[in-house]
Protein backbone atom coordinates (compact mmCIF):
# COMPACT_ATOMS: atom_id res chain seq x y z
CA MET A 1 2.65 3.79 8.85
CA THR A 2 4.22 2.22 5.83
CA ARG A 3 6.77 5.02 5.77
CA SER A 4 7.81 4.21 9.30
CA LEU A 5 8.13 0.51 8.35
CA LEU A 6 10.40 1.27 5.49
CA ARG A 7 12.59 3.57 7.54
CA ALA A 8 12.80 1.23 10.63
CA GLY A 9 16.10 -0.40 9.58
CA LEU A 10 14.99 -2.70 6.73
CA PRO A 11 17.70 -2.46 4.04
CA LEU A 12 15.40 -3.33 1.14
CA GLY A 13 12.74 -0.82 2.22
CA ALA A 14 15.37 1.87 2.78
CA ARG A 15 16.74 1.59 -0.70
CA LEU A 16 13.30 1.61 -2.26
CA ALA A 17 12.20 4.62 -0.34
CA ARG A 18 15.10 6.57 -1.70
CA LEU A 19 14.32 5.84 -5.41
CA PRO A 20 14.04 8.88 -7.70
CA ARG A 21 10.41 9.66 -8.74
CA PRO A 22 9.65 9.78 -12.41
CA ALA A 23 7.73 12.76 -13.85
CA ARG A 24 3.93 12.43 -14.31
CA PRO A 25 4.11 12.08 -18.10
CA VAL A 26 6.21 9.00 -17.50
CA ALA A 27 4.68 7.77 -14.33
CA VAL A 28 1.10 7.66 -15.74
CA PRO A 29 1.66 5.53 -18.75
CA LEU A 30 4.04 3.17 -16.96
CA LEU A 31 1.58 2.63 -14.19
CA ALA A 32 -1.27 2.08 -16.72
CA LEU A 33 0.95 -0.52 -18.53
CA VAL A 34 1.57 -2.40 -15.29
CA VAL A 35 -2.07 -2.30 -14.18
CA LEU A 36 -3.17 -3.54 -17.69
CA ALA A 37 -0.53 -6.44 -17.52
CA ALA A 38 -2.04 -7.42 -14.17
CA VAL A 39 -5.52 -7.44 -15.36
CA MET A 40 -4.61 -9.42 -18.54
CA ALA A 41 -2.39 -11.86 -16.65
CA PRO A 42 -4.65 -14.92 -17.34
CA VAL A 43 -4.35 -14.15 -21.08
CA LEU A 44 -0.75 -12.97 -21.19
CA ALA A 45 0.78 -15.63 -18.92
CA PRO A 46 2.37 -18.34 -21.11
CA ALA A 47 2.05 -20.96 -18.39
CA ASP A 48 0.33 -21.86 -15.13
CA PRO A 49 2.32 -19.86 -12.51
CA ALA A 50 2.24 -22.78 -9.93
CA ARG A 51 3.14 -25.55 -12.50
CA LEU A 52 6.32 -27.38 -11.53
CA THR A 53 8.45 -28.70 -14.39
CA LEU A 54 11.89 -30.31 -14.90
CA ASP A 55 13.28 -27.19 -16.63
CA GLN A 56 14.70 -25.62 -13.46
CA LEU A 57 16.81 -22.48 -13.60
CA GLN A 58 16.67 -22.05 -17.40
CA PRO A 59 17.87 -18.77 -18.73
CA PRO A 60 15.61 -16.27 -20.64
CA GLY A 61 14.93 -17.59 -24.07
CA ALA A 62 12.28 -18.52 -26.61
CA ALA A 63 10.80 -21.26 -24.52
CA HIS A 64 10.64 -19.07 -21.34
CA LEU A 65 11.04 -15.31 -22.05
CA LEU A 66 12.21 -14.53 -18.51
CA GLY A 67 13.50 -17.97 -17.76
CA THR A 68 12.37 -20.41 -14.98
CA ASP A 69 13.03 -20.55 -11.21
CA ALA A 70 14.39 -23.39 -9.08
CA LEU A 71 11.20 -25.36 -9.26
CA GLY A 72 10.82 -24.93 -13.00
CA ARG A 73 8.08 -22.46 -12.89
CA ASP A 74 7.85 -19.86 -15.57
CA VAL A 75 9.19 -16.56 -14.24
CA LEU A 76 7.14 -14.39 -16.70
CA SER A 77 3.90 -16.03 -15.71
CA ARG A 78 4.75 -15.82 -11.94
CA LEU A 79 5.59 -12.08 -12.42
CA LEU A 80 2.31 -11.31 -14.14
CA TYR A 81 0.21 -12.95 -11.39
CA ALA A 82 2.43 -11.43 -8.74
CA LEU A 83 1.36 -7.98 -10.17
CA ARG A 84 -2.27 -8.90 -9.54
CA THR A 85 -1.43 -9.93 -5.86
CA ASP A 86 0.68 -6.80 -5.14
CA LEU A 87 -1.58 -4.29 -6.67
CA LEU A 88 -4.52 -5.63 -4.75
CA LEU A 89 -2.62 -5.67 -1.58
CA MET A 90 -1.23 -2.22 -2.19
CA VAL A 91 -4.79 -0.68 -2.59
CA VAL A 92 -6.28 -2.57 0.29
CA ALA A 93 -3.26 -2.12 2.73
CA ALA A 94 -3.52 1.56 2.31
CA GLY A 95 -7.30 1.89 1.73
CA LEU A 96 -8.40 0.08 4.93
CA PRO A 97 -6.36 2.26 7.34
CA MET A 98 -7.62 5.26 5.42
CA LEU A 99 -11.22 4.23 5.94
CA LEU A 100 -10.83 3.33 9.53
CA GLY A 101 -8.88 6.49 10.27
CA THR A 102 -11.29 8.77 8.49
CA LEU A 103 -14.25 7.33 10.44
CA VAL A 104 -12.61 7.54 13.77
CA GLY A 105 -11.00 10.95 13.16
CA ALA A 106 -14.17 12.58 11.66
CA VAL A 107 -16.44 11.53 14.46
CA ALA A 108 -13.99 12.52 17.22
CA ALA A 109 -13.24 16.01 15.68
CA TYR A 110 -16.90 16.64 14.82
CA TYR A 111 -18.25 15.80 18.34
CA GLY A 112 -15.11 16.81 20.13
CA GLY A 113 -15.01 16.39 24.00
CA VAL A 114 -14.08 12.99 25.35
CA LEU A 115 -14.06 11.40 21.84
CA ASP A 116 -11.59 13.93 20.62
CA ALA A 117 -9.36 13.61 23.78
CA ALA A 118 -9.33 9.81 23.43
CA LEU A 119 -8.31 10.04 19.76
CA ARG A 120 -5.42 12.21 20.72
CA TRP A 121 -4.24 10.11 23.52
CA THR A 122 -4.50 6.89 21.52
CA ALA A 123 -2.74 8.43 18.56
CA ASP A 124 0.11 9.77 20.74
CA ILE A 125 0.65 6.28 22.24
CA LEU A 126 0.60 4.37 19.03
CA GLN A 127 2.80 6.80 17.22
CA ALA A 128 5.38 6.49 20.07
CA LEU A 129 5.65 2.83 19.84
CA PRO A 130 8.11 0.99 17.40
CA VAL A 131 5.99 0.35 14.18
CA TYR A 132 8.39 -2.44 12.81
CA VAL A 133 8.20 -4.49 16.14
CA LEU A 134 4.43 -4.07 16.26
CA LEU A 135 3.94 -5.14 12.77
CA ILE A 136 5.96 -8.18 13.16
CA ALA A 137 4.23 -9.08 16.42
CA PHE A 138 0.85 -8.90 14.79
CA VAL A 139 1.87 -11.13 11.85
CA PHE A 140 3.62 -13.54 14.27
CA VAL A 141 0.48 -13.84 16.53
CA LEU A 142 -1.96 -13.93 13.57
CA GLY A 143 0.27 -16.14 11.36
CA PRO A 144 1.63 -15.26 7.93
CA GLY A 145 -0.84 -14.63 5.29
CA THR A 146 -2.90 -12.00 3.49
CA ALA A 147 -5.50 -11.57 6.17
CA SER A 148 -2.97 -11.04 8.93
CA LEU A 149 -0.99 -8.62 6.80
CA LEU A 150 -3.99 -6.50 6.15
CA VAL A 151 -5.09 -6.53 9.81
CA ALA A 152 -1.57 -5.45 10.86
CA PHE A 153 -1.46 -2.58 8.33
CA SER A 154 -4.95 -1.48 9.34
CA ALA A 155 -4.36 -1.61 13.05
CA LEU A 156 -1.24 0.47 12.85
CA GLY A 157 -1.85 2.71 9.85
CA TRP A 158 -5.11 4.39 10.81
CA VAL A 159 -3.55 6.99 13.15
CA VAL A 160 -2.07 9.14 10.49
CA TYR A 161 -5.39 9.37 8.58
CA ALA A 162 -7.27 9.98 11.86
CA ARG A 163 -5.07 12.91 12.61
CA LEU A 164 -5.24 14.34 9.05
CA ILE A 165 -9.09 14.15 8.94
CA ARG A 166 -9.37 15.46 12.42
CA THR A 167 -7.52 18.69 11.52
CA GLU A 168 -9.60 19.16 8.48
CA VAL A 169 -12.88 18.43 10.19
CA ARG A 170 -12.18 20.88 13.05
CA ARG A 171 -11.49 23.55 10.36
CA VAL A 172 -14.47 22.80 8.22
CA ARG A 173 -17.08 22.40 10.88
CA GLU A 174 -16.70 26.15 11.70
CA ARG A 175 -17.79 27.32 8.25
CA GLU A 176 -20.89 29.15 7.72
CA TYR A 177 -22.51 26.52 5.52
CA VAL A 178 -22.20 23.93 8.21
CA ALA A 179 -23.97 26.12 10.74
CA ALA A 180 -26.80 26.90 8.14
CA SER A 181 -27.27 23.23 7.55
CA ARG A 182 -27.89 22.62 11.27
CA LEU A 183 -30.21 25.58 11.39
CA LEU A 184 -32.19 23.95 8.45
CA GLY A 185 -32.71 20.94 10.72
CA LEU A 186 -30.22 18.44 9.20
CA SER A 187 -28.95 15.79 11.83
CA HIS A 188 -25.29 15.81 12.89
CA VAL A 189 -24.80 12.65 10.74
CA ALA A 190 -26.22 14.28 7.68
CA VAL A 191 -24.20 17.42 8.12
CA LEU A 192 -20.95 15.31 8.72
CA VAL A 193 -21.58 13.06 5.66
CA ARG A 194 -22.99 15.64 3.20
CA HIS A 195 -21.14 18.74 3.98
CA VAL A 196 -18.10 18.31 6.26
CA LEU A 197 -16.37 15.02 4.99
CA PRO A 198 -16.60 16.03 1.26
CA ASN A 199 -14.71 19.26 2.04
CA ALA A 200 -12.19 17.61 4.56
CA LEU A 201 -11.06 14.52 2.58
CA ARG A 202 -8.60 16.16 0.22
CA GLN A 203 -5.53 15.86 2.38
CA SER A 204 -6.26 12.29 3.23
CA LEU A 205 -6.70 11.33 -0.43
CA VAL A 206 -3.48 13.08 -1.33
CA TYR A 207 -1.74 11.03 1.50
CA LEU A 208 -3.48 7.90 0.40
CA ALA A 209 -2.05 8.16 -3.23
CA ALA A 210 1.38 8.51 -1.84
CA ASP A 211 0.90 5.87 0.83
CA MET A 212 -0.10 3.24 -1.73
CA GLY A 213 3.41 3.29 -3.14
CA MET A 214 4.79 2.87 0.45
CA ALA A 215 2.32 0.12 1.14
CA LEU A 216 3.50 -1.74 -1.99
CA GLN A 217 7.10 -1.60 -0.82
CA GLY A 218 6.03 -2.56 2.80
CA VAL A 219 4.22 -5.62 1.51
CA ALA A 220 7.16 -6.62 -0.58
CA VAL A 221 9.54 -6.10 2.31
CA LEU A 222 7.48 -8.36 4.62
CA SER A 223 7.08 -10.96 2.05
CA PHE A 224 10.80 -10.84 1.40
CA PHE A 225 11.25 -11.88 5.18
CA GLY A 226 8.57 -14.59 4.99
CA LEU A 227 6.05 -12.48 6.92
CA GLY A 228 3.76 -11.68 3.96
CA VAL A 229 1.79 -13.89 1.68
CA LYS A 230 1.78 -17.63 2.06
CA ALA A 231 4.44 -19.71 0.58
CA GLY A 232 4.01 -20.43 -3.15
CA THR A 233 1.73 -17.46 -3.83
CA PRO A 234 3.20 -15.24 -6.68
CA GLU A 235 4.35 -12.01 -5.12
CA LEU A 236 7.13 -9.68 -6.03
CA GLY A 237 8.94 -9.62 -2.65
CA ALA A 238 8.71 -13.39 -2.13
CA MET A 239 10.17 -13.95 -5.62
CA VAL A 240 13.12 -11.75 -4.73
CA ALA A 241 13.52 -13.84 -1.40
CA GLU A 242 13.48 -17.11 -3.42
CA ALA A 243 16.16 -15.97 -5.70
CA GLN A 244 18.69 -15.01 -3.07
CA LEU A 245 20.61 -18.37 -3.39
CA PHE A 246 21.00 -17.69 -7.12
CA LEU A 247 22.04 -14.09 -7.34
CA ARG A 248 25.52 -14.84 -8.73
CA SER A 249 24.44 -17.71 -11.13
CA HIS A 250 20.95 -16.87 -12.14
CA TRP A 251 20.56 -13.09 -11.88
CA TRP A 252 17.22 -12.89 -13.66
CA LEU A 253 15.31 -14.47 -10.84
CA ALA A 254 15.78 -11.61 -8.54
CA ALA A 255 16.34 -8.74 -11.20
CA PHE A 256 12.95 -8.92 -12.97
CA PRO A 257 10.76 -8.76 -9.86
CA GLY A 258 13.10 -6.23 -8.27
CA VAL A 259 12.85 -3.91 -11.27
CA VAL A 260 9.11 -4.18 -11.19
CA ILE A 261 8.96 -3.33 -7.53
CA MET A 262 11.09 -0.19 -8.14
CA VAL A 263 9.19 0.96 -11.14
CA LEU A 264 5.74 0.45 -9.71
CA GLY A 265 6.50 1.87 -6.38
CA SER A 266 8.23 4.89 -7.77
CA CYS A 267 5.35 5.70 -10.25
CA VAL A 268 2.63 5.45 -7.45
CA ALA A 269 4.64 7.46 -5.13
CA SER A 270 5.36 10.15 -7.84
CA LEU A 271 1.63 10.43 -8.51
CA GLY A 272 1.03 10.77 -4.84
CA GLU A 273 3.54 13.38 -4.31
CA ARG A 274 2.11 15.45 -7.24
CA ALA A 275 -1.58 15.06 -6.16
CA GLY A 276 -3.54 17.85 -4.66
CA GLY A 277 -5.22 20.98 -5.66
CA GLY A 278 -6.44 24.24 -4.62
CA GLU A 279 -9.14 25.21 -2.01
CA GLU A 280 -11.87 22.54 -2.06
CA ASP A 281 -14.52 24.44 -0.16
CA ARG A 282 -17.55 25.39 -2.23
């Protein structure tokens, strides 16, 4: 879903989606460094990210390492706290659709019949609709904010995971060990949870790893257009949006959060593209 959003005519998203992917030896330490900085934000931040001062639009220097914004807020502090916001949203915005899609797809594929037909019919309809328009409509109806953002991602993003898990479950359920488990008297729920899902999740997990990078960029794009987190919340896309008026005179306001979005998104996407393994059945 987030891939469709980024390719639906949003200039910022389109540029981010075409970024080169760093190699794993580079991506792993960079990602670990970013996560560590986010976790340690309360310790590393030199000031309260929401504190307004009279030192507006100060350039990077000894007093403010990354300068200050138009309201006198310390850019480094806001950047560190924005990492916490974006990393959390990245994981949840990709994780919730995966959980919902896995549940729906696994049940429909395992039991088949009307459930499976209903899933295919619903998935075909949702994937034929304009994702960008629907996402904006969801956020518009629910109102800007973290909750509405996650609801919108979940409502539109579960379809891909449902189709992935449906294909894998239909394959795994025909294996001999699944039939043997049923003969031993295990319930359908127990067979599905213990034997089918563990061997059907690999493709969904690989997609999740890649989708988190796209989710990060999707959240940044929506926040850039004022459809993401609430105003004033430290968030990378919102920081870039706030800096639009000062691109020529105070470049650092947009440059620092923009670079972080590119580096973090590229590292996560790189790990996702290289995820995977051999045959998982055992």
